[in-house]
PDB file of N, CA and C in Angstrom:
ATOM      1  N   MET A   1      88.021 127.059  94.476  1.00  0.00           N
ATOM      2  CA  MET A   1      89.155 127.111  95.575  1.00  0.00           C
ATOM      3  C   MET A   1      89.016 125.764  96.383  1.00  0.00           C
ATOM      4  N   ASN A   2      90.205 125.067  96.406  1.00  0.00           N
ATOM      5  CA  ASN A   2      90.376 123.898  96.972  1.00  0.00           C
ATOM      6  C   ASN A   2      90.547 123.934  98.557  1.00  0.00           C
ATOM      7  N   THR A   3      89.469 123.447  99.023  1.00  0.00           N
ATOM      8  CA  THR A   3      89.413 123.310 100.469  1.00  0.00           C
ATOM      9  C   THR A   3      89.692 122.263 101.234  1.00  0.00           C
ATOM     10  N   SER A   4      90.381 121.292 100.457  1.00  0.00           N
ATOM     11  CA  SER A   4      90.793 120.188 101.040  1.00  0.00           C
ATOM     12  C   SER A   4      92.137 120.164 101.994  1.00  0.00           C
ATOM     13  N   SER A   5      92.107 119.657 103.067  1.00  0.00           N
ATOM     14  CA  SER A   5      93.060 120.075 104.049  1.00  0.00           C
ATOM     15  C   SER A   5      94.388 118.908 103.708  1.00  0.00           C
ATOM     16  N   PRO A   6      95.580 119.203 103.911  1.00  0.00           N
ATOM     17  CA  PRO A   6      96.782 118.155 103.939  1.00  0.00           C
ATOM     18  C   PRO A   6      96.399 116.905 104.901  1.00  0.00           C
ATOM     19  N   THR A   7      95.497 117.013 105.781  1.00  0.00           N
ATOM     20  CA  THR A   7      95.370 116.083 106.752  1.00  0.00           C
ATOM     21  C   THR A   7      94.206 114.852 105.819  1.00  0.00           C
ATOM     22  N   ALA A   8      93.326 115.449 105.386  1.00  0.00           N
ATOM     23  CA  ALA A   8      92.507 114.855 104.549  1.00  0.00           C
ATOM     24  C   ALA A   8      92.981 114.106 103.326  1.00  0.00           C
ATOM     25  N   ILE A   9      94.126 114.908 102.844  1.00  0.00           N
ATOM     26  CA  ILE A   9      94.633 114.028 101.685  1.00  0.00           C
ATOM     27  C   ILE A   9      95.369 112.779 102.264  1.00  0.00           C
ATOM     28  N   ARG A  10      96.241 112.946 103.274  1.00  0.00           N
ATOM     29  CA  ARG A  10      96.739 111.660 103.985  1.00  0.00           C
ATOM     30  C   ARG A  10      96.016 110.827 104.279  1.00  0.00           C
ATOM     31  N   VAL A  11      94.759 111.239 104.849  1.00  0.00           N
ATOM     32  CA  VAL A  11      93.728 110.181 105.317  1.00  0.00           C
ATOM     33  C   VAL A  11      93.237 109.426 103.976  1.00  0.00           C
ATOM     34  N   SER A  12      93.190 109.985 103.101  1.00  0.00           N
ATOM     35  CA  SER A  12      92.697 109.723 101.823  1.00  0.00           C
ATOM     36  C   SER A  12      93.576 108.394 101.124  1.00  0.00           C
ATOM     37  N   LEU A  13      95.047 108.949 101.127  1.00  0.00           N
ATOM     38  CA  LEU A  13      95.923 108.089 100.711  1.00  0.00           C
ATOM     39  C   LEU A  13      96.157 106.769 101.429  1.00  0.00           C
ATOM     40  N   LEU A  14      96.041 106.981 102.984  1.00  0.00           N
ATOM     41  CA  LEU A  14      96.071 105.974 103.733  1.00  0.00           C
ATOM     42  C   LEU A  14      95.021 104.737 103.790  1.00  0.00           C
ATOM     43  N   SER A  15      93.842 105.677 103.826  1.00  0.00           N
ATOM     44  CA  SER A  15      92.413 104.903 103.591  1.00  0.00           C
ATOM     45  C   SER A  15      92.377 103.841 102.282  1.00  0.00           C
ATOM     46  N   ASN A  16      92.890 104.610 101.270  1.00  0.00           N
ATOM     47  CA  ASN A  16      92.883 103.743  99.937  1.00  0.00           C
ATOM     48  C   ASN A  16      93.876 102.572 100.227  1.00  0.00           C
ATOM     49  N   TYR A  17      95.172 102.822 100.635  1.00  0.00           N
ATOM     50  CA  TYR A  17      95.951 101.843 100.645  1.00  0.00           C
ATOM     51  C   TYR A  17      95.483 100.733 101.655  1.00  0.00           C
ATOM     52  N   VAL A  18      94.920 101.037 102.885  1.00  0.00           N
ATOM     53  CA  VAL A  18      94.436  99.972 103.704  1.00  0.00           C
ATOM     54  C   VAL A  18      93.209  99.189 103.015  1.00  0.00           C
ATOM     55  N   ALA A  19      92.387  99.738 102.285  1.00  0.00           N
ATOM     56  CA  ALA A  19      91.247  99.290 101.780  1.00  0.00           C
ATOM     57  C   ALA A  19      91.741  98.402 100.648  1.00  0.00           C
ATOM     58  N   VAL A  20      92.834  98.473  99.873  1.00  0.00           N
ATOM     59  CA  VAL A  20      93.292  97.524  99.109  1.00  0.00           C
ATOM     60  C   VAL A  20      93.927  96.565  99.579  1.00  0.00           C
ATOM     61  N   LEU A  21      94.636  96.893 100.888  1.00  0.00           N
ATOM     62  CA  LEU A  21      95.450  95.645 101.397  1.00  0.00           C
ATOM     63  C   LEU A  21      94.276  94.870 102.174  1.00  0.00           C
ATOM     64  N   LYS A  22      92.973  95.333 102.764  1.00  0.00           N
ATOM     65  CA  LYS A  22      91.896  94.457 103.367  1.00  0.00           C
ATOM     66  C   LYS A  22      91.432  93.506 102.226  1.00  0.00           C
ATOM     67  N   LYS A  23      91.411  94.053 100.813  1.00  0.00           N
ATOM     68  CA  LYS A  23      90.752  93.303  99.623  1.00  0.00           C
ATOM     69  C   LYS A  23      91.854  92.536  98.942  1.00  0.00           C
ATOM     70  N   TYR A  24      93.028  92.035  99.760  1.00  0.00           N
ATOM     71  CA  TYR A  24      94.361  91.582  98.955  1.00  0.00           C
ATOM     72  C   TYR A  24      93.806  90.335  98.157  1.00  0.00           C
ATOM     73  N   ASN A  25      92.572  89.542  98.550  1.00  0.00           N
ATOM     74  CA  ASN A  25      92.358  88.356  97.734  1.00  0.00           C
ATOM     75  C   ASN A  25      91.145  88.547  96.901  1.00  0.00           C
ATOM     76  N   ASP A  26      90.741  89.845  96.778  1.00  0.00           N
ATOM     77  CA  ASP A  26      89.600  89.714  96.071  1.00  0.00           C
ATOM     78  C   ASP A  26      89.783  90.304  94.621  1.00  0.00           C
ATOM     79  N   PHE A  27      89.570  89.516  93.738  1.00  0.00           N
ATOM     80  CA  PHE A  27      90.066  89.753  92.391  1.00  0.00           C
ATOM     81  C   PHE A  27      88.810  89.995  91.443  1.00  0.00           C
ATOM     82  N   ASP A  28      87.416  90.162  91.971  1.00  0.00           N
ATOM     83  CA  ASP A  28      86.192  90.478  91.702  1.00  0.00           C
ATOM     84  C   ASP A  28      85.818  91.931  91.973  1.00  0.00           C
ATOM     85  N   GLY A  29      84.879  92.512  91.307  1.00  0.00           N
ATOM     86  CA  GLY A  29      84.539  94.048  91.369  1.00  0.00           C
ATOM     87  C   GLY A  29      85.537  94.900  90.617  1.00  0.00           C
ATOM     88  N   ARG A  30      85.407  96.123  91.076  1.00  0.00           N
ATOM     89  CA  ARG A  30      86.161  97.336  90.357  1.00  0.00           C
ATOM     90  C   ARG A  30      86.701  97.995  91.370  1.00  0.00           C
ATOM     91  N   ALA A  31      87.860  98.664  90.708  1.00  0.00           N
ATOM     92  CA  ALA A  31      88.686  99.675  91.541  1.00  0.00           C
ATOM     93  C   ALA A  31      88.692 101.089  90.998  1.00  0.00           C
ATOM     94  N   ARG A  32      88.765 102.008  91.699  1.00  0.00           N
ATOM     95  CA  ARG A  32      88.905 103.390  90.934  1.00  0.00           C
ATOM     96  C   ARG A  32      90.238 103.762  90.790  1.00  0.00           C
ATOM     97  N   ARG A  33      90.381 104.715  89.736  1.00  0.00           N
ATOM     98  CA  ARG A  33      91.698 105.071  89.424  1.00  0.00           C
ATOM     99  C   ARG A  33      92.550 105.516  90.547  1.00  0.00           C
ATOM    100  N   SER A  34      91.964 106.243  91.574  1.00  0.00           N
ATOM    101  CA  SER A  34      92.620 106.793  92.718  1.00  0.00           C
ATOM    102  C   SER A  34      92.989 105.728  93.586  1.00  0.00           C
ATOM    103  N   GLU A  35      92.321 104.663  93.804  1.00  0.00           N
ATOM    104  CA  GLU A  35      92.444 103.460  94.541  1.00  0.00           C
ATOM    105  C   GLU A  35      93.788 102.821  94.160  1.00  0.00           C
ATOM    106  N   TYR A  36      93.728 102.690  92.895  1.00  0.00           N
ATOM    107  CA  TYR A  36      94.851 101.869  92.001  1.00  0.00           C
ATOM    108  C   TYR A  36      96.187 102.581  92.162  1.00  0.00           C
ATOM    109  N   TRP A  37      96.089 104.004  91.755  1.00  0.00           N
ATOM    110  CA  TRP A  37      97.285 104.964  91.764  1.00  0.00           C
ATOM    111  C   TRP A  37      97.900 105.172  93.229  1.00  0.00           C
ATOM    112  N   TYR A  38      97.061 105.422  93.967  1.00  0.00           N
ATOM    113  CA  TYR A  38      97.476 105.512  95.593  1.00  0.00           C
ATOM    114  C   TYR A  38      98.149 104.717  96.214  1.00  0.00           C
ATOM    115  N   PHE A  39      97.767 103.259  95.815  1.00  0.00           N
ATOM    116  CA  PHE A  39      98.310 101.892  96.212  1.00  0.00           C
ATOM    117  C   PHE A  39      99.557 101.756  95.621  1.00  0.00           C
ATOM    118  N   PHE A  40      99.766 102.063  94.323  1.00  0.00           N
ATOM    119  CA  PHE A  40     101.124 102.200  93.621  1.00  0.00           C
ATOM    120  C   PHE A  40     101.889 103.090  94.187  1.00  0.00           C
ATOM    121  N   LEU A  41     101.500 104.190  94.179  1.00  0.00           N
ATOM    122  CA  LEU A  41     102.181 105.441  94.693  1.00  0.00           C
ATOM    123  C   LEU A  41     102.922 105.033  96.175  1.00  0.00           C
ATOM    124  N   ILE A  42     102.223 104.728  97.044  1.00  0.00           N
ATOM    125  CA  ILE A  42     102.613 104.422  98.501  1.00  0.00           C
ATOM    126  C   ILE A  42     103.564 103.238  98.315  1.00  0.00           C
ATOM    127  N   ASN A  43     103.226 102.142  97.451  1.00  0.00           N
ATOM    128  CA  ASN A  43     104.320 100.939  97.288  1.00  0.00           C
ATOM    129  C   ASN A  43     105.707 101.523  96.726  1.00  0.00           C
ATOM    130  N   VAL A  44     105.892 102.305  95.828  1.00  0.00           N
ATOM    131  CA  VAL A  44     106.790 102.912  95.268  1.00  0.00           C
ATOM    132  C   VAL A  44     107.723 103.566  96.207  1.00  0.00           C
ATOM    133  N   LEU A  45     106.812 104.574  97.075  1.00  0.00           N
ATOM    134  CA  LEU A  45     107.666 105.347  98.187  1.00  0.00           C
ATOM    135  C   LEU A  45     108.001 104.465  99.204  1.00  0.00           C
ATOM    136  N   ILE A  46     107.464 103.421  99.538  1.00  0.00           N
ATOM    137  CA  ILE A  46     108.039 102.644 100.535  1.00  0.00           C
ATOM    138  C   ILE A  46     109.276 101.812 100.232  1.00  0.00           C
ATOM    139  N   SER A  47     109.010 101.180  99.034  1.00  0.00           N
ATOM    140  CA  SER A  47     110.392 100.798  98.512  1.00  0.00           C
ATOM    141  C   SER A  47     111.464 101.503  98.157  1.00  0.00           C
ATOM    142  N   GLN A  48     111.229 102.646  97.658  1.00  0.00           N
ATOM    143  CA  GLN A  48     112.486 103.394  97.403  1.00  0.00           C
ATOM    144  C   GLN A  48     112.858 103.951  98.816  1.00  0.00           C
ATOM    145  N   GLY A  49     112.326 104.168  99.931  1.00  0.00           N
ATOM    146  CA  GLY A  49     112.468 104.436 100.969  1.00  0.00           C
ATOM    147  C   GLY A  49     113.522 103.791 101.759  1.00  0.00           C
ATOM    148  N   LEU A  50     113.158 102.356 101.618  1.00  0.00           N
ATOM    149  CA  LEU A  50     113.855 101.101 102.223  1.00  0.00           C
ATOM    150  C   LEU A  50     115.180 100.867 101.447  1.00  0.00           C
ATOM    151  N   ASN A  51     114.826 101.252 100.227  1.00  0.00           N
ATOM    152  CA  ASN A  51     116.445 101.254  99.166  1.00  0.00           C
ATOM    153  C   ASN A  51     117.291 102.151  99.801  1.00  0.00           C
ATOM    154  N   LEU A  52     116.727 103.353  99.898  1.00  0.00           N
ATOM    155  CA  LEU A  52     117.538 104.494 100.252  1.00  0.00           C
ATOM    156  C   LEU A  52     118.124 104.607 101.860  1.00  0.00           C
ATOM    157  N   ILE A  53     117.506 103.829 102.595  1.00  0.00           N
ATOM    158  CA  ILE A  53     117.848 103.491 104.057  1.00  0.00           C
ATOM    159  C   ILE A  53     118.930 102.284 103.867  1.00  0.00           C
ATOM    160  N   ASN A  54     118.573 101.261 103.299  1.00  0.00           N
ATOM    161  CA  ASN A  54     119.534 100.393 102.953  1.00  0.00           C
ATOM    162  C   ASN A  54     121.097 100.707 102.496  1.00  0.00           C
ATOM    163  N   THR A  55     120.825 101.801 101.585  1.00  0.00           N
ATOM    164  CA  THR A  55     122.206 102.077 100.770  1.00  0.00           C
ATOM    165  C   THR A  55     122.858 103.131 101.631  1.00  0.00           C
ATOM    166  N   LEU A  56     122.370 103.996 102.428  1.00  0.00           N
ATOM    167  CA  LEU A  56     122.924 104.981 103.116  1.00  0.00           C
ATOM    168  C   LEU A  56     123.066 104.789 104.459  1.00  0.00           C
ATOM    169  N   LEU A  57     122.408 103.881 105.268  1.00  0.00           N
ATOM    170  CA  LEU A  57     122.769 103.506 106.656  1.00  0.00           C
ATOM    171  C   LEU A  57     123.322 102.294 106.644  1.00  0.00           C
ATOM    172  N   PHE A  58     122.932 101.303 105.910  1.00  0.00           N
ATOM    173  CA  PHE A  58     123.496  99.753 105.977  1.00  0.00           C
ATOM    174  C   PHE A  58     124.652  99.325 104.602  1.00  0.00           C
ATOM    175  N   ASN A  59     125.068 100.449 103.924  1.00  0.00           N
ATOM    176  CA  ASN A  59     125.776 100.015 102.849  1.00  0.00           C
ATOM    177  C   ASN A  59     125.297  98.948 102.120  1.00  0.00           C
ATOM    178  N   GLY A  60     123.965  98.701 101.740  1.00  0.00           N
ATOM    179  CA  GLY A  60     123.629  97.705 100.981  1.00  0.00           C
ATOM    180  C   GLY A  60     123.553  96.412 101.594  1.00  0.00           C
ATOM    181  N   SER A  61     123.282  96.389 102.955  1.00  0.00           N
ATOM    182  CA  SER A  61     123.163  95.029 103.763  1.00  0.00           C
ATOM    183  C   SER A  61     122.354  94.037 103.192  1.00  0.00           C
ATOM    184  N   ALA A  62     122.635  92.791 103.393  1.00  0.00           N
ATOM    185  CA  ALA A  62     121.710  91.624 102.573  1.00  0.00           C
ATOM    186  C   ALA A  62     120.583  91.578 103.870  1.00  0.00           C
ATOM    187  N   VAL A  63     120.747  91.941 104.987  1.00  0.00           N
ATOM    188  CA  VAL A  63     119.432  91.792 105.871  1.00  0.00           C
ATOM    189  C   VAL A  63     118.455  92.720 105.433  1.00  0.00           C
ATOM    190  N   VAL A  64     119.059  93.929 105.325  1.00  0.00           N
ATOM    191  CA  VAL A  64     117.696  94.779 104.847  1.00  0.00           C
ATOM    192  C   VAL A  64     117.204  94.516 103.568  1.00  0.00           C
ATOM    193  N   GLY A  65     118.052  93.907 102.877  1.00  0.00           N
ATOM    194  CA  GLY A  65     117.809  93.592 101.354  1.00  0.00           C
ATOM    195  C   GLY A  65     116.593  92.626 101.437  1.00  0.00           C
ATOM    196  N   TRP A  66     117.045  91.580 102.386  1.00  0.00           N
ATOM    197  CA  TRP A  66     115.884  90.567 102.596  1.00  0.00           C
ATOM    198  C   TRP A  66     114.358  91.368 103.046  1.00  0.00           C
ATOM    199  N   LEU A  67     114.657  92.064 103.850  1.00  0.00           N
ATOM    200  CA  LEU A  67     113.256  92.952 104.432  1.00  0.00           C
ATOM    201  C   LEU A  67     112.754  93.795 103.081  1.00  0.00           C
ATOM    202  N   ILE A  68     113.477  94.210 102.265  1.00  0.00           N
ATOM    203  CA  ILE A  68     112.859  94.802 100.888  1.00  0.00           C
ATOM    204  C   ILE A  68     112.253  93.797 100.118  1.00  0.00           C
ATOM    205  N   ILE A  69     112.965  92.523  99.845  1.00  0.00           N
ATOM    206  CA  ILE A  69     112.366  91.444  99.247  1.00  0.00           C
ATOM    207  C   ILE A  69     110.989  90.983  99.777  1.00  0.00           C
ATOM    208  N   LEU A  70     111.196  90.814 101.170  1.00  0.00           N
ATOM    209  CA  LEU A  70     109.919  90.370 101.727  1.00  0.00           C
ATOM    210  C   LEU A  70     108.632  91.184 101.738  1.00  0.00           C
ATOM    211  N   PHE A  71     108.944  92.480 101.896  1.00  0.00           N
ATOM    212  CA  PHE A  71     107.989  93.705 101.418  1.00  0.00           C
ATOM    213  C   PHE A  71     107.355  93.505 100.132  1.00  0.00           C
ATOM    214  N   ASN A  72     108.241  93.344  99.139  1.00  0.00           N
ATOM    215  CA  ASN A  72     107.522  93.252  97.835  1.00  0.00           C
ATOM    216  C   ASN A  72     106.887  92.083  97.459  1.00  0.00           C
ATOM    217  N   LEU A  73     107.207  90.973  98.241  1.00  0.00           N
ATOM    218  CA  LEU A  73     106.529  89.724  98.166  1.00  0.00           C
ATOM    219  C   LEU A  73     105.349  89.741  98.958  1.00  0.00           C
ATOM    220  N   ALA A  74     105.176  90.716  99.815  1.00  0.00           N
ATOM    221  CA  ALA A  74     103.876  90.941 100.732  1.00  0.00           C
ATOM    222  C   ALA A  74     103.010  91.564 100.111  1.00  0.00           C
ATOM    223  N   ILE A  75     103.378  92.397  98.963  1.00  0.00           N
ATOM    224  CA  ILE A  75     102.395  93.340  98.438  1.00  0.00           C
ATOM    225  C   ILE A  75     102.126  92.811  96.882  1.00  0.00           C
ATOM    226  N   LEU A  76     102.637  91.462  96.602  1.00  0.00           N
ATOM    227  CA  LEU A  76     102.524  91.242  95.146  1.00  0.00           C
ATOM    228  C   LEU A  76     100.904  90.713  94.902  1.00  0.00           C
ATOM    229  N   ILE A  77     100.522  89.914  95.800  1.00  0.00           N
ATOM    230  CA  ILE A  77      98.987  89.322  95.550  1.00  0.00           C
ATOM    231  C   ILE A  77      98.093  90.654  95.691  1.00  0.00           C
ATOM    232  N   PRO A  78      98.296  91.646  96.636  1.00  0.00           N
ATOM    233  CA  PRO A  78      97.360  92.666  96.588  1.00  0.00           C
ATOM    234  C   PRO A  78      97.444  93.751  95.243  1.00  0.00           C
ATOM    235  N   SER A  79      98.524  93.832  94.778  1.00  0.00           N
ATOM    236  CA  SER A  79      98.984  94.510  93.514  1.00  0.00           C
ATOM    237  C   SER A  79      98.363  94.056  92.388  1.00  0.00           C
ATOM    238  N   VAL A  80      98.351  92.687  92.552  1.00  0.00           N
ATOM    239  CA  VAL A  80      97.699  92.013  91.192  1.00  0.00           C
ATOM    240  C   VAL A  80      96.308  92.098  91.302  1.00  0.00           C
ATOM    241  N   ALA A  81      95.718  91.915  92.512  1.00  0.00           N
ATOM    242  CA  ALA A  81      94.380  91.858  92.821  1.00  0.00           C
ATOM    243  C   ALA A  81      93.821  93.620  92.712  1.00  0.00           C
ATOM    244  N   VAL A  82      94.443  94.635  92.720  1.00  0.00           N
ATOM    245  CA  VAL A  82      94.140  95.787  92.641  1.00  0.00           C
ATOM    246  C   VAL A  82      94.088  96.161  91.017  1.00  0.00           C
ATOM    247  N   ALA A  83      95.043  95.410  90.426  1.00  0.00           N
ATOM    248  CA  ALA A  83      95.446  95.736  88.913  1.00  0.00           C
ATOM    249  C   ALA A  83      94.122  95.238  88.155  1.00  0.00           C
ATOM    250  N   VAL A  84      93.898  93.911  88.569  1.00  0.00           N
ATOM    251  CA  VAL A  84      92.640  93.185  87.918  1.00  0.00           C
ATOM    252  C   VAL A  84      91.428  93.860  88.146  1.00  0.00           C
ATOM    253  N   ARG A  85      91.058  94.463  89.286  1.00  0.00           N
ATOM    254  CA  ARG A  85      89.986  95.267  89.564  1.00  0.00           C
ATOM    255  C   ARG A  85      90.024  96.659  88.755  1.00  0.00           C
ATOM    256  N   ARG A  86      91.177  97.163  88.627  1.00  0.00           N
ATOM    257  CA  ARG A  86      91.245  98.402  87.679  1.00  0.00           C
ATOM    258  C   ARG A  86      90.916  97.919  86.449  1.00  0.00           C
ATOM    259  N   MET A  87      91.446  96.898  85.773  1.00  0.00           N
ATOM    260  CA  MET A  87      90.996  96.420  84.549  1.00  0.00           C
ATOM    261  C   MET A  87      89.551  96.278  84.278  1.00  0.00           C
ATOM    262  N   HIS A  88      88.940  95.552  85.482  1.00  0.00           N
ATOM    263  CA  HIS A  88      87.527  95.695  85.408  1.00  0.00           C
ATOM    264  C   HIS A  88      86.938  96.798  85.355  1.00  0.00           C
ATOM    265  N   ASP A  89      87.275  97.854  86.112  1.00  0.00           N
ATOM    266  CA  ASP A  89      86.705  99.347  86.114  1.00  0.00           C
ATOM    267  C   ASP A  89      86.599  99.811  84.439  1.00  0.00           C
ATOM    268  N   ALA A  90      87.689  99.629  83.891  1.00  0.00           N
ATOM    269  CA  ALA A  90      87.822  99.965  82.461  1.00  0.00           C
ATOM    270  C   ALA A  90      86.923  99.099  81.478  1.00  0.00           C
ATOM    271  N   GLY A  91      86.041  98.205  81.972  1.00  0.00           N
ATOM    272  CA  GLY A  91      85.332  97.270  81.129  1.00  0.00           C
ATOM    273  C   GLY A  91      86.156  96.117  80.585  1.00  0.00           C
ATOM    274  N   LYS A  92      87.317  96.030  81.100  1.00  0.00           N
ATOM    275  CA  LYS A  92      88.147  94.537  80.377  1.00  0.00           C
ATOM    276  C   LYS A  92      88.282  93.523  81.347  1.00  0.00           C
ATOM    277  N   SER A  93      88.729  92.565  80.911  1.00  0.00           N
ATOM    278  CA  SER A  93      89.038  91.389  81.865  1.00  0.00           C
ATOM    279  C   SER A  93      90.360  91.487  82.338  1.00  0.00           C
ATOM    280  N   GLY A  94      90.534  91.018  83.678  1.00  0.00           N
ATOM    281  CA  GLY A  94      91.612  91.129  84.219  1.00  0.00           C
ATOM    282  C   GLY A  94      92.893  90.391  83.649  1.00  0.00           C
ATOM    283  N   TRP A  95      92.731  89.852  82.569  1.00  0.00           N
ATOM    284  CA  TRP A  95      93.811  89.185  81.949  1.00  0.00           C
ATOM    285  C   TRP A  95      94.493  90.366  81.107  1.00  0.00           C
ATOM    286  N   TYR A  96      93.994  91.421  80.878  1.00  0.00           N
ATOM    287  CA  TYR A  96      94.547  92.445  80.302  1.00  0.00           C
ATOM    288  C   TYR A  96      95.678  93.049  80.990  1.00  0.00           C
ATOM    289  N   VAL A  97      95.996  92.559  82.258  1.00  0.00           N
ATOM    290  CA  VAL A  97      97.143  93.160  83.247  1.00  0.00           C
ATOM    291  C   VAL A  97      98.526  92.518  82.684  1.00  0.00           C
ATOM    292  N   LEU A  98      98.395  91.339  81.997  1.00  0.00           N
ATOM    293  CA  LEU A  98      99.426  91.015  81.266  1.00  0.00           C
ATOM    294  C   LEU A  98     100.167  91.435  79.878  1.00  0.00           C
ATOM    295  N   ILE A  99      99.299  92.354  79.499  1.00  0.00           N
ATOM    296  CA  ILE A  99      99.800  92.932  78.004  1.00  0.00           C
ATOM    297  C   ILE A  99     100.422  94.323  78.629  1.00  0.00           C
ATOM    298  N   PRO A 100     101.637  94.462  78.421  1.00  0.00           N
ATOM    299  CA  PRO A 100     102.487  95.298  79.176  1.00  0.00           C
ATOM    300  C   PRO A 100     102.112  96.885  78.948  1.00  0.00           C
ATOM    301  N   VAL A 101     101.989  97.563  77.731  1.00  0.00           N
ATOM    302  CA  VAL A 101     101.756  98.800  77.483  1.00  0.00           C
ATOM    303  C   VAL A 101     100.070  99.133  77.675  1.00  0.00           C
ATOM    304  N   TYR A 102      99.481  98.205  77.039  1.00  0.00           N
ATOM    305  CA  TYR A 102      97.928  98.449  76.964  1.00  0.00           C
ATOM    306  C   TYR A 102      97.410  98.491  78.464  1.00  0.00           C
ATOM    307  N   ASN A 103      97.839  97.506  79.440  1.00  0.00           N
ATOM    308  CA  ASN A 103      97.544  97.762  80.674  1.00  0.00           C
ATOM    309  C   ASN A 103      97.577  99.193  81.396  1.00  0.00           C
ATOM    310  N   LEU A 104      98.845  99.621  81.104  1.00  0.00           N
ATOM    311  CA  LEU A 104      99.190 101.286  81.574  1.00  0.00           C
ATOM    312  C   LEU A 104      98.053 102.098  81.095  1.00  0.00           C
ATOM    313  N   ILE A 105      97.735 101.930  79.868  1.00  0.00           N
ATOM    314  CA  ILE A 105      96.740 102.824  79.282  1.00  0.00           C
ATOM    315  C   ILE A 105      95.230 102.472  79.926  1.00  0.00           C
ATOM    316  N   LEU A 106      94.918 101.278  80.121  1.00  0.00           N
ATOM    317  CA  LEU A 106      93.771 100.977  80.871  1.00  0.00           C
ATOM    318  C   LEU A 106      93.652 101.605  82.161  1.00  0.00           C
ATOM    319  N   ALA A 107      94.789 101.350  82.872  1.00  0.00           N
ATOM    320  CA  ALA A 107      94.982 101.919  84.158  1.00  0.00           C
ATOM    321  C   ALA A 107      94.642 103.540  84.377  1.00  0.00           C
ATOM    322  N   CYS A 108      94.998 104.147  83.461  1.00  0.00           N
ATOM    323  CA  CYS A 108      94.813 105.782  83.456  1.00  0.00           C
ATOM    324  C   CYS A 108      93.415 105.904  82.724  1.00  0.00           C
ATOM    325  N   THR A 109      92.977 105.052  82.061  1.00  0.00           N
ATOM    326  CA  THR A 109      91.520 105.253  81.469  1.00  0.00           C
ATOM    327  C   THR A 109      90.366 105.748  82.648  1.00  0.00           C
ATOM    328  N   GLU A 110      89.609 106.550  82.142  1.00  0.00           N
ATOM    329  CA  GLU A 110      88.301 106.635  82.989  1.00  0.00           C
ATOM    330  C   GLU A 110      87.418 105.474  83.058  1.00  0.00           C
ATOM    331  N   SER A 111      86.889 105.498  84.045  1.00  0.00           N
ATOM    332  CA  SER A 111      85.915 104.126  84.375  1.00  0.00           C
ATOM    333  C   SER A 111      84.811 104.012  83.471  1.00  0.00           C
ATOM    334  N   VAL A 112      84.253 102.977  83.240  1.00  0.00           N
ATOM    335  CA  VAL A 112      82.811 102.693  82.295  1.00  0.00           C
ATOM    336  C   VAL A 112      82.171 103.289  83.295  1.00  0.00           C
ATOM    337  N   LYS A 113      81.057 104.349  82.883  1.00  0.00           N
ATOM    338  CA  LYS A 113      80.125 105.070  83.566  1.00  0.00           C
ATOM    339  C   LYS A 113      79.050 104.364  84.529  1.00  0.00           C
ATOM    340  N   GLU A 114      78.438 103.468  83.794  1.00  0.00           N
ATOM    341  CA  GLU A 114      77.455 102.499  84.077  1.00  0.00           C
ATOM    342  C   GLU A 114      77.970 101.117  84.942  1.00  0.00           C
ATOM    343  N   SER A 115      77.087 100.428  85.498  1.00  0.00           N
ATOM    344  CA  SER A 115      77.566  99.093  85.854  1.00  0.00           C
ATOM    345  C   SER A 115      77.863  98.456  84.580  1.00  0.00           C
ATOM    346  N   ASN A 116      78.852  97.563  84.770  1.00  0.00           N
ATOM    347  CA  ASN A 116      79.164  96.438  83.896  1.00  0.00           C
ATOM    348  C   ASN A 116      79.151  95.148  84.414  1.00  0.00           C
ATOM    349  N   GLN A 117      79.724  94.010  83.552  1.00  0.00           N
ATOM    350  CA  GLN A 117      79.539  92.704  84.125  1.00  0.00           C
ATOM    351  C   GLN A 117      80.477  92.506  85.433  1.00  0.00           C
ATOM    352  N   TYR A 118      81.082  93.545  85.726  1.00  0.00           N
ATOM    353  CA  TYR A 118      82.050  93.367  86.916  1.00  0.00           C
ATOM    354  C   TYR A 118      81.488  93.944  88.084  1.00  0.00           C
ATOM    355  N   GLY A 119      80.440  94.556  87.990  1.00  0.00           N
ATOM    356  CA  GLY A 119      79.857  95.507  89.261  1.00  0.00           C
ATOM    357  C   GLY A 119      79.649  96.717  89.021  1.00  0.00           C
ATOM    358  N   ALA A 120      78.939  97.292  90.031  1.00  0.00           N
ATOM    359  CA  ALA A 120      78.726  98.636  89.667  1.00  0.00           C
ATOM    360  C   ALA A 120      79.752  99.819  89.888  1.00  0.00           C
ATOM    361  N   ASN A 121      79.535 100.932  89.298  1.00  0.00           N
ATOM    362  CA  ASN A 121      80.606 101.859  89.109  1.00  0.00           C
ATOM    363  C   ASN A 121      81.038 102.297  90.763  1.00  0.00           C
ATOM    364  N   PRO A 122      82.109 102.036  90.956  1.00  0.00           N
ATOM    365  CA  PRO A 122      82.472 102.570  92.641  1.00  0.00           C
ATOM    366  C   PRO A 122      82.565 104.082  92.769  1.00  0.00           C
ATOM    367  N   LYS A 123      82.224 104.857  91.663  1.00  0.00           N
ATOM    368  CA  LYS A 123      82.071 106.334  92.127  1.00  0.00           C
ATOM    369  C   LYS A 123      80.797 106.496  92.463  1.00  0.00           C
ATOM    370  N   THR A 124      79.675 105.828  92.142  1.00  0.00           N
ATOM    371  CA  THR A 124      78.480 106.025  92.329  1.00  0.00           C
ATOM    372  C   THR A 124      78.040 105.149  93.758  1.00  0.00           C
ATOM    373  N   LYS A 125      79.102 104.477  94.164  1.00  0.00           N
ATOM    374  CA  LYS A 125      78.577 103.751  95.504  1.00  0.00           C
ATOM    375  C   LYS A 125      78.778 104.764  96.838  1.00  0.00           C
ATOM    376  N   GLY A 126      78.099 104.877  97.628  1.00  0.00           N
ATOM    377  CA  GLY A 126      77.988 106.144  98.690  1.00  0.00           C
ATOM    378  C   GLY A 126      77.620 105.418 100.121  1.00  0.00           C
TER     379      GLY A 126
END
């Protein structure tokens, strides 16, 4: 029986998102799958929400379009940093982010159970 409440799930989503933003320039260490994918999910939802608002309310106005571009630029470095940490969690170099299909496979892969050269397993940190 799943006893987690919707509030706990929202807190987890937001706490993961904020944690990634706080580590925006940290390319060392490891990132859990949940940390990576929650960050990805929230960014997609925000971008699509802004696009929808821009289309429906402002008829594709350039001003709102610039806000969307600024948002995407603002999350660029944190996105790369969390992707590199995710590759580290899978036991690979951060440069694997540049390989189009393989990086998606690694992002979905279970983490290396024990510590590796990039640090301790984030699941065992408490």
